[in-house]
ModelCIF file with pLDDT and N, C-alpha, C, O atoms, coordinates in Angstrom:
data_MODEL
#
_entry.id   MODEL 
#
_entity.id                         1 
_entity.type                       polymer 
_entity.pdbx_number_of_molecules   1 
#
_entity_poly.entity_id                      1 
_entity_poly.type                           'polypeptide(L)' 
_entity_poly.nstd_linkage                   no 
_entity_poly.nstd_monomer                   no 
_entity_poly.pdbx_seq_one_letter_code       TADCLPILIFDARTRARAAVHAGWRGTLARIVEKTLDLMASRFGT 
_entity_poly.pdbx_seq_one_letter_code_can   TADCLPILIFDARTRARAAVHAGWRGTLARIVEKTLDLMASRFGT 
_entity_poly.pdbx_strand_id                 A 
#
loop_
_entity_poly_seq.entity_id 
_entity_poly_seq.num 
_entity_poly_seq.mon_id 
_entity_poly_seq.hetero 
1 1  THR n 
1 2  ALA n 
1 3  ASP n 
1 4  CYS n 
1 5  LEU n 
1 6  PRO n 
1 7  ILE n 
1 8  LEU n 
1 9  ILE n 
1 10 PHE n 
1 11 ASP n 
1 12 ALA n 
1 13 ARG n 
1 14 THR n 
1 15 ARG n 
1 16 ALA n 
1 17 ARG n 
1 18 ALA n 
1 19 ALA n 
1 20 VAL n 
1 21 HIS n 
1 22 ALA n 
1 23 GLY n 
1 24 TRP n 
1 25 ARG n 
1 26 GLY n 
1 27 THR n 
1 28 LEU n 
1 29 ALA n 
1 30 ARG n 
1 31 ILE n 
1 32 VAL n 
1 33 GLU n 
1 34 LYS n 
1 35 THR n 
1 36 LEU n 
1 37 ASP n 
1 38 LEU n 
1 39 MET n 
1 40 ALA n 
1 41 SER n 
1 42 ARG n 
1 43 PHE n 
1 44 GLY n 
1 45 THR n 
#
_struct_asym.id          A 
_struct_asym.entity_id   1 
#
loop_
_ma_qa_metric.id 
_ma_qa_metric.mode 
_ma_qa_metric.name 
_ma_qa_metric.software_group_id 
_ma_qa_metric.type 
1 global pLDDT . pLDDT 
2 local  pLDDT . pLDDT 
#
_ma_qa_metric_global.metric_id      1 
_ma_qa_metric_global.metric_value   97.80 
_ma_qa_metric_global.model_id       1 
_ma_qa_metric_global.ordinal_id     1 
#
loop_
_ma_qa_metric_local.label_asym_id 
_ma_qa_metric_local.label_comp_id 
_ma_qa_metric_local.label_seq_id 
_ma_qa_metric_local.metric_id 
_ma_qa_metric_local.metric_value 
_ma_qa_metric_local.model_id 
_ma_qa_metric_local.ordinal_id 
A THR 1  2 98.00 1 1  
A ALA 2  2 96.00 1 2  
A ASP 3  2 97.00 1 3  
A CYS 4  2 98.00 1 4  
A LEU 5  2 98.00 1 5  
A PRO 6  2 98.00 1 6  
A ILE 7  2 98.00 1 7  
A LEU 8  2 98.00 1 8  
A ILE 9  2 98.00 1 9  
A PHE 10 2 98.00 1 10 
A ASP 11 2 98.00 1 11 
A ALA 12 2 98.00 1 12 
A ARG 13 2 98.00 1 13 
A THR 14 2 97.00 1 14 
A ARG 15 2 97.00 1 15 
A ALA 16 2 97.00 1 16 
A ARG 17 2 98.00 1 17 
A ALA 18 2 98.00 1 18 
A ALA 19 2 98.00 1 19 
A VAL 20 2 98.00 1 20 
A HIS 21 2 98.00 1 21 
A ALA 22 2 98.00 1 22 
A GLY 23 2 97.00 1 23 
A TRP 24 2 98.00 1 24 
A ARG 25 2 98.00 1 25 
A GLY 26 2 98.00 1 26 
A THR 27 2 98.00 1 27 
A LEU 28 2 98.00 1 28 
A ALA 29 2 98.00 1 29 
A ARG 30 2 98.00 1 30 
A ILE 31 2 98.00 1 31 
A VAL 32 2 98.00 1 32 
A GLU 33 2 98.00 1 33 
A LYS 34 2 98.00 1 34 
A THR 35 2 98.00 1 35 
A LEU 36 2 98.00 1 36 
A ASP 37 2 98.00 1 37 
A LEU 38 2 98.00 1 38 
A MET 39 2 98.00 1 39 
A ALA 40 2 98.00 1 40 
A SER 41 2 98.00 1 41 
A ARG 42 2 97.00 1 42 
A PHE 43 2 97.00 1 43 
A GLY 44 2 98.00 1 44 
A THR 45 2 98.00 1 45 
#
loop_
_atom_site.group_PDB 
_atom_site.id 
_atom_site.type_symbol 
_atom_site.label_atom_id 
_atom_site.label_alt_id 
_atom_site.label_comp_id 
_atom_site.label_asym_id 
_atom_site.label_entity_id 
_atom_site.label_seq_id 
_atom_site.pdbx_PDB_ins_code 
_atom_site.Cartn_x 
_atom_site.Cartn_y 
_atom_site.Cartn_z 
_atom_site.occupancy 
_atom_site.B_iso_or_equiv 
_atom_site.pdbx_formal_charge 
_atom_site.auth_seq_id 
_atom_site.auth_comp_id 
_atom_site.auth_asym_id 
_atom_site.auth_atom_id 
_atom_site.pdbx_PDB_model_num 
ATOM 1   N N  . THR A 1 1  ? -4.755 -8.724  9.066  1.00 98.00 ? 1  THR A N  1 
ATOM 2   C CA . THR A 1 1  ? -3.745 -8.804  8.202  1.00 98.00 ? 1  THR A CA 1 
ATOM 3   C C  . THR A 1 1  ? -4.044 -10.626 8.440  1.00 98.00 ? 1  THR A C  1 
ATOM 4   O O  . THR A 1 1  ? -4.261 -11.036 9.581  1.00 98.00 ? 1  THR A O  1 
ATOM 5   N N  . ALA A 1 2  ? -4.015 -11.920 6.849  1.00 96.00 ? 2  ALA A N  1 
ATOM 6   C CA . ALA A 1 2  ? -3.164 -12.812 7.526  1.00 96.00 ? 2  ALA A CA 1 
ATOM 7   C C  . ALA A 1 2  ? -2.707 -13.834 6.347  1.00 96.00 ? 2  ALA A C  1 
ATOM 8   O O  . ALA A 1 2  ? -2.566 -15.045 6.178  1.00 96.00 ? 2  ALA A O  1 
ATOM 9   N N  . ASP A 1 3  ? -2.541 -12.436 5.532  1.00 97.00 ? 3  ASP A N  1 
ATOM 10  C CA . ASP A 1 3  ? -1.362 -12.762 4.517  1.00 97.00 ? 3  ASP A CA 1 
ATOM 11  C C  . ASP A 1 3  ? -1.946 -11.187 3.162  1.00 97.00 ? 3  ASP A C  1 
ATOM 12  O O  . ASP A 1 3  ? -1.738 -11.126 1.950  1.00 97.00 ? 3  ASP A O  1 
ATOM 13  N N  . CYS A 1 4  ? -2.210 -10.821 3.496  1.00 98.00 ? 4  CYS A N  1 
ATOM 14  C CA . CYS A 1 4  ? -2.788 -9.171  3.061  1.00 98.00 ? 4  CYS A CA 1 
ATOM 15  C C  . CYS A 1 4  ? -1.180 -8.746  4.138  1.00 98.00 ? 4  CYS A C  1 
ATOM 16  O O  . CYS A 1 4  ? -0.520 -9.179  5.083  1.00 98.00 ? 4  CYS A O  1 
ATOM 17  N N  . LEU A 1 5  ? -1.261 -7.139  2.736  1.00 98.00 ? 5  LEU A N  1 
ATOM 18  C CA . LEU A 1 5  ? -0.073 -6.709  3.094  1.00 98.00 ? 5  LEU A CA 1 
ATOM 19  C C  . LEU A 1 5  ? -0.343 -5.902  4.316  1.00 98.00 ? 5  LEU A C  1 
ATOM 20  O O  . LEU A 1 5  ? -1.557 -6.032  4.473  1.00 98.00 ? 5  LEU A O  1 
ATOM 21  N N  . PRO A 1 6  ? 0.226  -4.952  5.504  1.00 98.00 ? 6  PRO A N  1 
ATOM 22  C CA . PRO A 1 6  ? 0.113  -4.655  6.658  1.00 98.00 ? 6  PRO A CA 1 
ATOM 23  C C  . PRO A 1 6  ? 0.825  -3.196  6.023  1.00 98.00 ? 6  PRO A C  1 
ATOM 24  O O  . PRO A 1 6  ? 1.901  -3.346  5.443  1.00 98.00 ? 6  PRO A O  1 
ATOM 25  N N  . ILE A 1 7  ? 0.139  -1.519  6.137  1.00 98.00 ? 7  ILE A N  1 
ATOM 26  C CA . ILE A 1 7  ? 1.211  -0.578  5.916  1.00 98.00 ? 7  ILE A CA 1 
ATOM 27  C C  . ILE A 1 7  ? 1.380  0.426   6.223  1.00 98.00 ? 7  ILE A C  1 
ATOM 28  O O  . ILE A 1 7  ? 0.565  1.337   6.078  1.00 98.00 ? 7  ILE A O  1 
ATOM 29  N N  . LEU A 1 8  ? 2.583  0.534   6.773  1.00 98.00 ? 8  LEU A N  1 
ATOM 30  C CA . LEU A 1 8  ? 1.751  1.690   8.143  1.00 98.00 ? 8  LEU A CA 1 
ATOM 31  C C  . LEU A 1 8  ? 2.903  2.537   6.763  1.00 98.00 ? 8  LEU A C  1 
ATOM 32  O O  . LEU A 1 8  ? 3.489  2.103   5.771  1.00 98.00 ? 8  LEU A O  1 
ATOM 33  N N  . ILE A 1 9  ? 2.740  4.178   7.545  1.00 98.00 ? 9  ILE A N  1 
ATOM 34  C CA . ILE A 1 9  ? 3.112  5.270   6.813  1.00 98.00 ? 9  ILE A CA 1 
ATOM 35  C C  . ILE A 1 9  ? 3.094  6.286   7.750  1.00 98.00 ? 9  ILE A C  1 
ATOM 36  O O  . ILE A 1 9  ? 2.245  6.519   8.611  1.00 98.00 ? 9  ILE A O  1 
ATOM 37  N N  . PHE A 1 10 ? 4.721  7.205   7.338  1.00 98.00 ? 10 PHE A N  1 
ATOM 38  C CA . PHE A 1 10 ? 4.612  8.120   8.699  1.00 98.00 ? 10 PHE A CA 1 
ATOM 39  C C  . PHE A 1 10 ? 5.413  9.201   8.166  1.00 98.00 ? 10 PHE A C  1 
ATOM 40  O O  . PHE A 1 10 ? 6.480  9.199   7.551  1.00 98.00 ? 10 PHE A O  1 
ATOM 41  N N  . ASP A 1 11 ? 4.429  10.378  8.657  1.00 98.00 ? 11 ASP A N  1 
ATOM 42  C CA . ASP A 1 11 ? 4.995  11.932  7.540  1.00 98.00 ? 11 ASP A CA 1 
ATOM 43  C C  . ASP A 1 11 ? 5.703  12.099  8.631  1.00 98.00 ? 11 ASP A C  1 
ATOM 44  O O  . ASP A 1 11 ? 5.284  11.920  9.774  1.00 98.00 ? 11 ASP A O  1 
ATOM 45  N N  . ALA A 1 12 ? 7.137  12.555  8.223  1.00 98.00 ? 12 ALA A N  1 
ATOM 46  C CA . ALA A 1 12 ? 7.774  12.611  9.952  1.00 98.00 ? 12 ALA A CA 1 
ATOM 47  C C  . ALA A 1 12 ? 8.019  14.344  10.179 1.00 98.00 ? 12 ALA A C  1 
ATOM 48  O O  . ALA A 1 12 ? 8.521  14.867  11.174 1.00 98.00 ? 12 ALA A O  1 
ATOM 49  N N  . ARG A 1 13 ? 7.505  15.036  8.948  1.00 98.00 ? 13 ARG A N  1 
ATOM 50  C CA . ARG A 1 13 ? 7.164  16.481  9.125  1.00 98.00 ? 13 ARG A CA 1 
ATOM 51  C C  . ARG A 1 13 ? 5.789  17.179  10.117 1.00 98.00 ? 13 ARG A C  1 
ATOM 52  O O  . ARG A 1 13 ? 5.686  18.089  10.940 1.00 98.00 ? 13 ARG A O  1 
ATOM 53  N N  . THR A 1 14 ? 4.709  15.994  9.383  1.00 97.00 ? 14 THR A N  1 
ATOM 54  C CA . THR A 1 14 ? 3.742  16.510  9.926  1.00 97.00 ? 14 THR A CA 1 
ATOM 55  C C  . THR A 1 14 ? 2.969  15.822  11.248 1.00 97.00 ? 14 THR A C  1 
ATOM 56  O O  . THR A 1 14 ? 2.069  16.116  12.034 1.00 97.00 ? 14 THR A O  1 
ATOM 57  N N  . ARG A 1 15 ? 3.865  14.758  10.997 1.00 97.00 ? 15 ARG A N  1 
ATOM 58  C CA . ARG A 1 15 ? 3.402  13.430  12.288 1.00 97.00 ? 15 ARG A CA 1 
ATOM 59  C C  . ARG A 1 15 ? 2.433  12.942  11.892 1.00 97.00 ? 15 ARG A C  1 
ATOM 60  O O  . ARG A 1 15 ? 1.971  12.136  12.701 1.00 97.00 ? 15 ARG A O  1 
ATOM 61  N N  . ALA A 1 16 ? 1.455  13.120  10.326 1.00 97.00 ? 16 ALA A N  1 
ATOM 62  C CA . ALA A 1 16 ? -0.236 12.641  10.552 1.00 97.00 ? 16 ALA A CA 1 
ATOM 63  C C  . ALA A 1 16 ? 1.039  10.997  9.851  1.00 97.00 ? 16 ALA A C  1 
ATOM 64  O O  . ALA A 1 16 ? 2.113  10.952  9.251  1.00 97.00 ? 16 ALA A O  1 
ATOM 65  N N  . ARG A 1 17 ? 0.011  9.901   10.435 1.00 98.00 ? 17 ARG A N  1 
ATOM 66  C CA . ARG A 1 17 ? 0.568  8.500   10.404 1.00 98.00 ? 17 ARG A CA 1 
ATOM 67  C C  . ARG A 1 17 ? -1.118 7.943   9.611  1.00 98.00 ? 17 ARG A C  1 
ATOM 68  O O  . ARG A 1 17 ? -2.205 8.316   10.052 1.00 98.00 ? 17 ARG A O  1 
ATOM 69  N N  . ALA A 1 18 ? -0.976 7.177   8.620  1.00 98.00 ? 18 ALA A N  1 
ATOM 70  C CA . ALA A 1 18 ? -1.726 6.001   8.404  1.00 98.00 ? 18 ALA A CA 1 
ATOM 71  C C  . ALA A 1 18 ? -1.948 4.261   8.396  1.00 98.00 ? 18 ALA A C  1 
ATOM 72  O O  . ALA A 1 18 ? -1.324 3.768   7.456  1.00 98.00 ? 18 ALA A O  1 
ATOM 73  N N  . ALA A 1 19 ? -2.321 3.747   8.812  1.00 98.00 ? 19 ALA A N  1 
ATOM 74  C CA . ALA A 1 19 ? -2.353 1.919   8.207  1.00 98.00 ? 19 ALA A CA 1 
ATOM 75  C C  . ALA A 1 19 ? -3.154 1.569   7.842  1.00 98.00 ? 19 ALA A C  1 
ATOM 76  O O  . ALA A 1 19 ? -4.203 1.924   8.380  1.00 98.00 ? 19 ALA A O  1 
ATOM 77  N N  . VAL A 1 20 ? -3.226 0.436   6.436  1.00 98.00 ? 20 VAL A N  1 
ATOM 78  C CA . VAL A 1 20 ? -3.532 0.718   5.268  1.00 98.00 ? 20 VAL A CA 1 
ATOM 79  C C  . VAL A 1 20 ? -3.489 -0.799  5.300  1.00 98.00 ? 20 VAL A C  1 
ATOM 80  O O  . VAL A 1 20 ? -2.414 -1.346  5.542  1.00 98.00 ? 20 VAL A O  1 
ATOM 81  N N  . HIS A 1 21 ? -4.670 -1.575  5.056  1.00 98.00 ? 21 HIS A N  1 
ATOM 82  C CA . HIS A 1 21 ? -4.573 -2.463  4.655  1.00 98.00 ? 21 HIS A CA 1 
ATOM 83  C C  . HIS A 1 21 ? -4.571 -2.944  3.045  1.00 98.00 ? 21 HIS A C  1 
ATOM 84  O O  . HIS A 1 21 ? -4.997 -2.131  2.226  1.00 98.00 ? 21 HIS A O  1 
ATOM 85  N N  . ALA A 1 22 ? -4.178 -4.032  2.660  1.00 98.00 ? 22 ALA A N  1 
ATOM 86  C CA . ALA A 1 22 ? -4.060 -4.620  1.191  1.00 98.00 ? 22 ALA A CA 1 
ATOM 87  C C  . ALA A 1 22 ? -4.066 -5.820  0.325  1.00 98.00 ? 22 ALA A C  1 
ATOM 88  O O  . ALA A 1 22 ? -2.990 -6.200  -0.136 1.00 98.00 ? 22 ALA A O  1 
ATOM 89  N N  . GLY A 1 23 ? -4.876 -6.294  0.123  1.00 97.00 ? 23 GLY A N  1 
ATOM 90  C CA . GLY A 1 23 ? -4.851 -7.632  -0.874 1.00 97.00 ? 23 GLY A CA 1 
ATOM 91  C C  . GLY A 1 23 ? -4.590 -7.181  -1.954 1.00 97.00 ? 23 GLY A C  1 
ATOM 92  O O  . GLY A 1 23 ? -4.108 -6.068  -2.160 1.00 97.00 ? 23 GLY A O  1 
ATOM 93  N N  . TRP A 1 24 ? -4.985 -8.296  -3.059 1.00 98.00 ? 24 TRP A N  1 
ATOM 94  C CA . TRP A 1 24 ? -4.895 -8.190  -3.914 1.00 98.00 ? 24 TRP A CA 1 
ATOM 95  C C  . TRP A 1 24 ? -5.691 -7.130  -4.317 1.00 98.00 ? 24 TRP A C  1 
ATOM 96  O O  . TRP A 1 24 ? -5.179 -6.383  -5.151 1.00 98.00 ? 24 TRP A O  1 
ATOM 97  N N  . ARG A 1 25 ? -7.225 -6.779  -3.801 1.00 98.00 ? 25 ARG A N  1 
ATOM 98  C CA . ARG A 1 25 ? -8.009 -5.833  -4.420 1.00 98.00 ? 25 ARG A CA 1 
ATOM 99  C C  . ARG A 1 25 ? -7.695 -4.651  -4.462 1.00 98.00 ? 25 ARG A C  1 
ATOM 100 O O  . ARG A 1 25 ? -7.733 -3.993  -5.501 1.00 98.00 ? 25 ARG A O  1 
ATOM 101 N N  . GLY A 1 26 ? -7.325 -4.187  -3.307 1.00 98.00 ? 26 GLY A N  1 
ATOM 102 C CA . GLY A 1 26 ? -7.011 -2.619  -2.280 1.00 98.00 ? 26 GLY A CA 1 
ATOM 103 C C  . GLY A 1 26 ? -5.571 -1.927  -3.150 1.00 98.00 ? 26 GLY A C  1 
ATOM 104 O O  . GLY A 1 26 ? -5.265 -0.757  -3.381 1.00 98.00 ? 26 GLY A O  1 
ATOM 105 N N  . THR A 1 27 ? -4.859 -3.300  -3.503 1.00 98.00 ? 27 THR A N  1 
ATOM 106 C CA . THR A 1 27 ? -2.916 -2.719  -4.361 1.00 98.00 ? 27 THR A CA 1 
ATOM 107 C C  . THR A 1 27 ? -3.833 -2.749  -5.508 1.00 98.00 ? 27 THR A C  1 
ATOM 108 O O  . THR A 1 27 ? -3.603 -1.618  -5.938 1.00 98.00 ? 27 THR A O  1 
ATOM 109 N N  . LEU A 1 28 ? -5.000 -3.402  -6.575 1.00 98.00 ? 28 LEU A N  1 
ATOM 110 C CA . LEU A 1 28 ? -5.703 -3.170  -7.647 1.00 98.00 ? 28 LEU A CA 1 
ATOM 111 C C  . LEU A 1 28 ? -6.097 -1.879  -7.434 1.00 98.00 ? 28 LEU A C  1 
ATOM 112 O O  . LEU A 1 28 ? -5.720 -1.093  -8.303 1.00 98.00 ? 28 LEU A O  1 
ATOM 113 N N  . ALA A 1 29 ? -6.761 -1.414  -6.512 1.00 98.00 ? 29 ALA A N  1 
ATOM 114 C CA . ALA A 1 29 ? -7.825 -0.161  -6.531 1.00 98.00 ? 29 ALA A CA 1 
ATOM 115 C C  . ALA A 1 29 ? -6.606 0.943   -6.130 1.00 98.00 ? 29 ALA A C  1 
ATOM 116 O O  . ALA A 1 29 ? -6.882 2.128   -5.943 1.00 98.00 ? 29 ALA A O  1 
ATOM 117 N N  . ARG A 1 30 ? -5.327 0.456   -6.027 1.00 98.00 ? 30 ARG A N  1 
ATOM 118 C CA . ARG A 1 30 ? -3.923 1.550   -5.325 1.00 98.00 ? 30 ARG A CA 1 
ATOM 119 C C  . ARG A 1 30 ? -4.772 2.076   -4.075 1.00 98.00 ? 30 ARG A C  1 
ATOM 120 O O  . ARG A 1 30 ? -4.985 3.279   -3.923 1.00 98.00 ? 30 ARG A O  1 
ATOM 121 N N  . ILE A 1 31 ? -5.052 1.499   -3.550 1.00 98.00 ? 31 ILE A N  1 
ATOM 122 C CA . ILE A 1 31 ? -5.420 1.828   -1.808 1.00 98.00 ? 31 ILE A CA 1 
ATOM 123 C C  . ILE A 1 31 ? -4.196 3.086   -1.432 1.00 98.00 ? 31 ILE A C  1 
ATOM 124 O O  . ILE A 1 31 ? -4.289 4.132   -0.790 1.00 98.00 ? 31 ILE A O  1 
ATOM 125 N N  . VAL A 1 32 ? -3.300 2.580   -1.994 1.00 98.00 ? 32 VAL A N  1 
ATOM 126 C CA . VAL A 1 32 ? -1.566 3.370   -1.021 1.00 98.00 ? 32 VAL A CA 1 
ATOM 127 C C  . VAL A 1 32 ? -1.265 4.522   -2.112 1.00 98.00 ? 32 VAL A C  1 
ATOM 128 O O  . VAL A 1 32 ? -0.764 5.534   -1.620 1.00 98.00 ? 32 VAL A O  1 
ATOM 129 N N  . GLU A 1 33 ? -1.450 4.543   -3.306 1.00 98.00 ? 33 GLU A N  1 
ATOM 130 C CA . GLU A 1 33 ? -1.843 5.962   -3.337 1.00 98.00 ? 33 GLU A CA 1 
ATOM 131 C C  . GLU A 1 33 ? -2.843 7.434   -2.688 1.00 98.00 ? 33 GLU A C  1 
ATOM 132 O O  . GLU A 1 33 ? -2.625 8.593   -2.333 1.00 98.00 ? 33 GLU A O  1 
ATOM 133 N N  . LYS A 1 34 ? -3.804 6.657   -2.799 1.00 98.00 ? 34 LYS A N  1 
ATOM 134 C CA . LYS A 1 34 ? -4.805 7.014   -2.413 1.00 98.00 ? 34 LYS A CA 1 
ATOM 135 C C  . LYS A 1 34 ? -4.441 7.957   -0.952 1.00 98.00 ? 34 LYS A C  1 
ATOM 136 O O  . LYS A 1 34 ? -4.521 9.183   -0.872 1.00 98.00 ? 34 LYS A O  1 
ATOM 137 N N  . THR A 1 35 ? -4.116 7.215   -0.094 1.00 98.00 ? 35 THR A N  1 
ATOM 138 C CA . THR A 1 35 ? -4.026 7.375   1.070  1.00 98.00 ? 35 THR A CA 1 
ATOM 139 C C  . THR A 1 35 ? -3.150 8.768   1.059  1.00 98.00 ? 35 THR A C  1 
ATOM 140 O O  . THR A 1 35 ? -3.407 9.970   1.119  1.00 98.00 ? 35 THR A O  1 
ATOM 141 N N  . LEU A 1 36 ? -2.232 8.128   0.973  1.00 98.00 ? 36 LEU A N  1 
ATOM 142 C CA . LEU A 1 36 ? -1.343 9.439   0.392  1.00 98.00 ? 36 LEU A CA 1 
ATOM 143 C C  . LEU A 1 36 ? -1.907 10.708  -0.125 1.00 98.00 ? 36 LEU A C  1 
ATOM 144 O O  . LEU A 1 36 ? -1.714 11.880  0.196  1.00 98.00 ? 36 LEU A O  1 
ATOM 145 N N  . ASP A 1 37 ? -2.662 10.144  -1.019 1.00 98.00 ? 37 ASP A N  1 
ATOM 146 C CA . ASP A 1 37 ? -3.070 11.897  -1.519 1.00 98.00 ? 37 ASP A CA 1 
ATOM 147 C C  . ASP A 1 37 ? -4.464 12.207  -0.039 1.00 98.00 ? 37 ASP A C  1 
ATOM 148 O O  . ASP A 1 37 ? -4.891 13.237  0.483  1.00 98.00 ? 37 ASP A O  1 
ATOM 149 N N  . LEU A 1 38 ? -4.704 11.025  0.124  1.00 98.00 ? 38 LEU A N  1 
ATOM 150 C CA . LEU A 1 38 ? -5.990 12.257  1.569  1.00 98.00 ? 38 LEU A CA 1 
ATOM 151 C C  . LEU A 1 38 ? -5.124 12.848  2.291  1.00 98.00 ? 38 LEU A C  1 
ATOM 152 O O  . LEU A 1 38 ? -5.426 13.994  2.622  1.00 98.00 ? 38 LEU A O  1 
ATOM 153 N N  . MET A 1 39 ? -3.875 12.337  2.743  1.00 98.00 ? 39 MET A N  1 
ATOM 154 C CA . MET A 1 39 ? -2.993 12.713  3.769  1.00 98.00 ? 39 MET A CA 1 
ATOM 155 C C  . MET A 1 39 ? -2.227 14.162  3.293  1.00 98.00 ? 39 MET A C  1 
ATOM 156 O O  . MET A 1 39 ? -1.678 14.905  4.106  1.00 98.00 ? 39 MET A O  1 
ATOM 157 N N  . ALA A 1 40 ? -2.292 14.425  1.833  1.00 98.00 ? 40 ALA A N  1 
ATOM 158 C CA . ALA A 1 40 ? -1.683 15.138  1.210  1.00 98.00 ? 40 ALA A CA 1 
ATOM 159 C C  . ALA A 1 40 ? -2.309 16.370  1.182  1.00 98.00 ? 40 ALA A C  1 
ATOM 160 O O  . ALA A 1 40 ? -1.704 17.436  1.289  1.00 98.00 ? 40 ALA A O  1 
ATOM 161 N N  . SER A 1 41 ? -4.350 16.171  0.941  1.00 98.00 ? 41 SER A N  1 
ATOM 162 C CA . SER A 1 41 ? -4.856 17.416  1.035  1.00 98.00 ? 41 SER A CA 1 
ATOM 163 C C  . SER A 1 41 ? -5.684 17.776  2.763  1.00 98.00 ? 41 SER A C  1 
ATOM 164 O O  . SER A 1 41 ? -6.284 18.802  3.084  1.00 98.00 ? 41 SER A O  1 
ATOM 165 N N  . ARG A 1 42 ? -5.462 16.703  3.489  1.00 97.00 ? 42 ARG A N  1 
ATOM 166 C CA . ARG A 1 42 ? -6.101 17.018  4.981  1.00 97.00 ? 42 ARG A CA 1 
ATOM 167 C C  . ARG A 1 42 ? -4.753 17.458  5.861  1.00 97.00 ? 42 ARG A C  1 
ATOM 168 O O  . ARG A 1 42 ? -4.929 17.987  6.959  1.00 97.00 ? 42 ARG A O  1 
ATOM 169 N N  . PHE A 1 43 ? -3.167 17.190  5.272  1.00 97.00 ? 43 PHE A N  1 
ATOM 170 C CA . PHE A 1 43 ? -2.461 17.475  6.695  1.00 97.00 ? 43 PHE A CA 1 
ATOM 171 C C  . PHE A 1 43 ? -1.344 18.346  5.644  1.00 97.00 ? 43 PHE A C  1 
ATOM 172 O O  . PHE A 1 43 ? -0.275 18.843  5.999  1.00 97.00 ? 43 PHE A O  1 
ATOM 173 N N  . GLY A 1 44 ? -1.754 18.356  4.698  1.00 98.00 ? 44 GLY A N  1 
ATOM 174 C CA . GLY A 1 44 ? -0.228 19.111  4.128  1.00 98.00 ? 44 GLY A CA 1 
ATOM 175 C C  . GLY A 1 44 ? 0.910  17.943  4.069  1.00 98.00 ? 44 GLY A C  1 
ATOM 176 O O  . GLY A 1 44 ? 1.995  18.369  4.466  1.00 98.00 ? 44 GLY A O  1 
ATOM 177 N N  . THR A 1 45 ? 0.926  16.661  3.696  1.00 98.00 ? 45 THR A N  1 
ATOM 178 C CA . THR A 1 45 ? 1.401  15.904  3.679  1.00 98.00 ? 45 THR A CA 1 
ATOM 179 C C  . THR A 1 45 ? 2.872  15.543  2.020  1.00 98.00 ? 45 THR A C  1 
ATOM 180 O O  . THR A 1 45 ? 3.528  14.502  1.992  1.00 98.00 ? 45 THR A O  1 
#
């Protein structure tokens, strides 16, 4: 990053984790929600 948001997600139960890069386009596309949805489907987050 060099201004965009660096977002770290940690699931304390399954230990799944994610690193997300979100500028305005990624934020508008709801990349964080989609990341959590993927973690839920793949790891039960």
